[in-house]
N, C-alpha and C. Protein backbone atom coordinates (compact mmCIF):
# COMPACT_ATOMS: atom_id res chain seq x y z
N MET A 1 0.83 -1.19 0.00
CA MET A 1 0.00 0.00 0.00
C MET A 1 0.87 1.26 0.00
N ARG A 2 1.97 1.21 0.72
CA ARG A 2 2.85 2.37 0.78
C ARG A 2 3.35 2.74 -0.62
N GLU A 3 3.68 1.72 -1.44
CA GLU A 3 4.18 1.98 -2.79
C GLU A 3 3.10 2.66 -3.64
N LEU A 4 1.85 2.21 -3.49
CA LEU A 4 0.76 2.81 -4.25
C LEU A 4 0.56 4.26 -3.84
N ASN A 5 0.60 4.54 -2.54
CA ASN A 5 0.46 5.91 -2.07
C ASN A 5 1.59 6.79 -2.59
N GLN A 6 2.81 6.26 -2.62
CA GLN A 6 3.94 7.04 -3.13
C GLN A 6 3.81 7.28 -4.62
N ALA A 7 3.38 6.26 -5.36
CA ALA A 7 3.18 6.42 -6.80
C ALA A 7 2.14 7.48 -7.07
N ALA A 8 1.05 7.47 -6.30
CA ALA A 8 0.00 8.48 -6.46
C ALA A 8 0.56 9.86 -6.19
N ALA A 9 1.35 10.00 -5.13
CA ALA A 9 1.94 11.29 -4.80
C ALA A 9 2.89 11.76 -5.90
N ASP A 10 3.69 10.83 -6.42
CA ASP A 10 4.64 11.18 -7.48
C ASP A 10 3.92 11.68 -8.73
N LEU A 11 2.76 11.11 -9.01
CA LEU A 11 2.00 11.50 -10.20
C LEU A 11 1.00 12.61 -9.92
N LYS A 12 1.02 13.12 -8.68
CA LYS A 12 0.10 14.17 -8.26
C LYS A 12 -1.37 13.73 -8.45
N MET A 13 -1.63 12.49 -8.14
CA MET A 13 -2.97 11.92 -8.20
C MET A 13 -3.34 11.44 -6.81
N ASN A 14 -4.65 11.36 -6.53
CA ASN A 14 -5.02 10.70 -5.29
C ASN A 14 -5.12 9.20 -5.54
N GLN A 15 -5.17 8.43 -4.48
CA GLN A 15 -5.12 6.98 -4.63
C GLN A 15 -6.25 6.43 -5.49
N PRO A 16 -7.52 6.86 -5.31
CA PRO A 16 -8.57 6.32 -6.18
C PRO A 16 -8.34 6.61 -7.67
N GLU A 17 -7.80 7.77 -7.98
CA GLU A 17 -7.51 8.08 -9.39
C GLU A 17 -6.44 7.15 -9.94
N LEU A 18 -5.41 6.91 -9.15
CA LEU A 18 -4.34 6.01 -9.59
C LEU A 18 -4.88 4.59 -9.75
N GLU A 19 -5.70 4.15 -8.79
CA GLU A 19 -6.28 2.82 -8.89
C GLU A 19 -7.14 2.70 -10.15
N THR A 20 -7.88 3.75 -10.48
CA THR A 20 -8.70 3.75 -11.69
C THR A 20 -7.82 3.58 -12.92
N GLU A 21 -6.73 4.31 -12.98
CA GLU A 21 -5.82 4.20 -14.12
C GLU A 21 -5.23 2.80 -14.22
N LEU A 22 -4.84 2.25 -13.08
CA LEU A 22 -4.27 0.89 -13.09
C LEU A 22 -5.31 -0.13 -13.55
N MET A 23 -6.56 0.04 -13.11
CA MET A 23 -7.62 -0.89 -13.52
C MET A 23 -7.86 -0.81 -15.03
N LYS A 24 -7.83 0.40 -15.58
CA LYS A 24 -8.00 0.56 -17.03
C LYS A 24 -6.88 -0.15 -17.78
N GLU A 25 -5.67 -0.04 -17.25
CA GLU A 25 -4.53 -0.66 -17.91
C GLU A 25 -4.65 -2.17 -17.97
N ILE A 26 -5.29 -2.77 -16.97
CA ILE A 26 -5.42 -4.23 -16.97
C ILE A 26 -6.73 -4.69 -17.61
N GLY A 27 -7.53 -3.74 -18.09
CA GLY A 27 -8.75 -4.10 -18.80
C GLY A 27 -9.99 -4.23 -17.94
N ALA A 28 -9.92 -3.81 -16.69
CA ALA A 28 -11.10 -3.86 -15.83
C ALA A 28 -12.06 -2.74 -16.24
N TYR A 29 -13.33 -3.05 -16.36
CA TYR A 29 -14.29 -2.04 -16.77
C TYR A 29 -15.43 -1.85 -15.77
N VAL A 30 -15.41 -2.56 -14.67
CA VAL A 30 -16.41 -2.40 -13.63
C VAL A 30 -15.68 -2.26 -12.31
N ALA A 31 -16.10 -1.29 -11.50
CA ALA A 31 -15.50 -1.06 -10.20
C ALA A 31 -16.59 -0.61 -9.24
N GLN A 32 -16.28 -0.65 -7.99
CA GLN A 32 -17.23 -0.18 -7.00
C GLN A 32 -16.51 0.72 -6.01
N GLY A 33 -17.26 1.46 -5.26
CA GLY A 33 -16.69 2.27 -4.21
C GLY A 33 -17.27 3.67 -4.18
N TYR A 34 -17.13 4.30 -3.04
CA TYR A 34 -17.69 5.63 -2.83
C TYR A 34 -17.06 6.66 -3.77
N PHE A 35 -15.85 6.43 -4.22
CA PHE A 35 -15.20 7.34 -5.17
C PHE A 35 -16.02 7.46 -6.45
N TYR A 36 -16.69 6.39 -6.83
CA TYR A 36 -17.45 6.35 -8.07
C TYR A 36 -18.92 6.71 -7.88
N SER A 37 -19.49 6.36 -6.74
CA SER A 37 -20.91 6.62 -6.49
C SER A 37 -21.21 6.47 -5.01
N LYS A 38 -22.11 7.29 -4.53
CA LYS A 38 -22.61 7.09 -3.18
C LYS A 38 -23.41 5.79 -3.16
N PRO A 39 -23.63 5.21 -2.00
CA PRO A 39 -24.45 3.99 -1.95
C PRO A 39 -25.86 4.26 -2.50
N VAL A 40 -26.37 3.32 -3.26
CA VAL A 40 -27.71 3.44 -3.84
C VAL A 40 -28.48 2.15 -3.61
N PRO A 41 -29.80 2.22 -3.65
CA PRO A 41 -30.59 0.99 -3.50
C PRO A 41 -30.27 -0.01 -4.62
N GLU A 42 -30.46 -1.28 -4.32
CA GLU A 42 -30.13 -2.34 -5.26
C GLU A 42 -30.81 -2.15 -6.62
N ALA A 43 -32.09 -1.81 -6.62
CA ALA A 43 -32.82 -1.65 -7.88
C ALA A 43 -32.23 -0.52 -8.72
N GLU A 44 -31.84 0.56 -8.07
CA GLU A 44 -31.23 1.69 -8.80
C GLU A 44 -29.88 1.28 -9.39
N PHE A 45 -29.10 0.53 -8.61
CA PHE A 45 -27.80 0.05 -9.09
C PHE A 45 -27.99 -0.87 -10.30
N GLU A 46 -28.92 -1.80 -10.20
CA GLU A 46 -29.15 -2.72 -11.31
C GLU A 46 -29.61 -1.99 -12.57
N ALA A 47 -30.46 -0.97 -12.41
CA ALA A 47 -30.92 -0.20 -13.56
C ALA A 47 -29.76 0.55 -14.21
N LYS A 48 -28.89 1.13 -13.40
CA LYS A 48 -27.72 1.85 -13.94
C LYS A 48 -26.78 0.88 -14.64
N LEU A 49 -26.55 -0.27 -14.03
CA LEU A 49 -25.66 -1.27 -14.63
C LEU A 49 -26.23 -1.74 -15.97
N ALA A 50 -27.53 -1.99 -16.02
CA ALA A 50 -28.16 -2.44 -17.26
C ALA A 50 -28.09 -1.36 -18.34
N ALA A 51 -28.22 -0.10 -17.95
CA ALA A 51 -28.13 1.00 -18.90
C ALA A 51 -26.72 1.17 -19.45
N ASP A 52 -25.73 1.00 -18.56
CA ASP A 52 -24.33 1.20 -18.96
C ASP A 52 -23.76 0.01 -19.73
N PHE A 53 -24.26 -1.20 -19.44
CA PHE A 53 -23.73 -2.40 -20.06
C PHE A 53 -24.87 -3.30 -20.54
N PRO A 54 -25.68 -2.84 -21.48
CA PRO A 54 -26.86 -3.60 -21.88
C PRO A 54 -26.56 -4.98 -22.46
N ASP A 55 -25.41 -5.16 -23.06
CA ASP A 55 -25.08 -6.45 -23.67
C ASP A 55 -24.55 -7.47 -22.67
N ASN A 56 -24.27 -7.02 -21.46
CA ASN A 56 -23.66 -7.90 -20.45
C ASN A 56 -24.67 -8.39 -19.42
N ILE A 57 -25.90 -7.96 -19.50
CA ILE A 57 -26.89 -8.34 -18.47
C ILE A 57 -27.90 -9.28 -19.08
């Protein structure tokens, strides 16, 4: 974790931004966490997921 925090500081990014960039580099296209969205009810989450990724549901 210390290395990730230092890398973020070196790039003048916060940790969630750096994690997002790393996830994109490895091909991850779905993530969770308060950085991306406040908590929402399950039905709202499912509707958003279906709207964003209609071919995957």
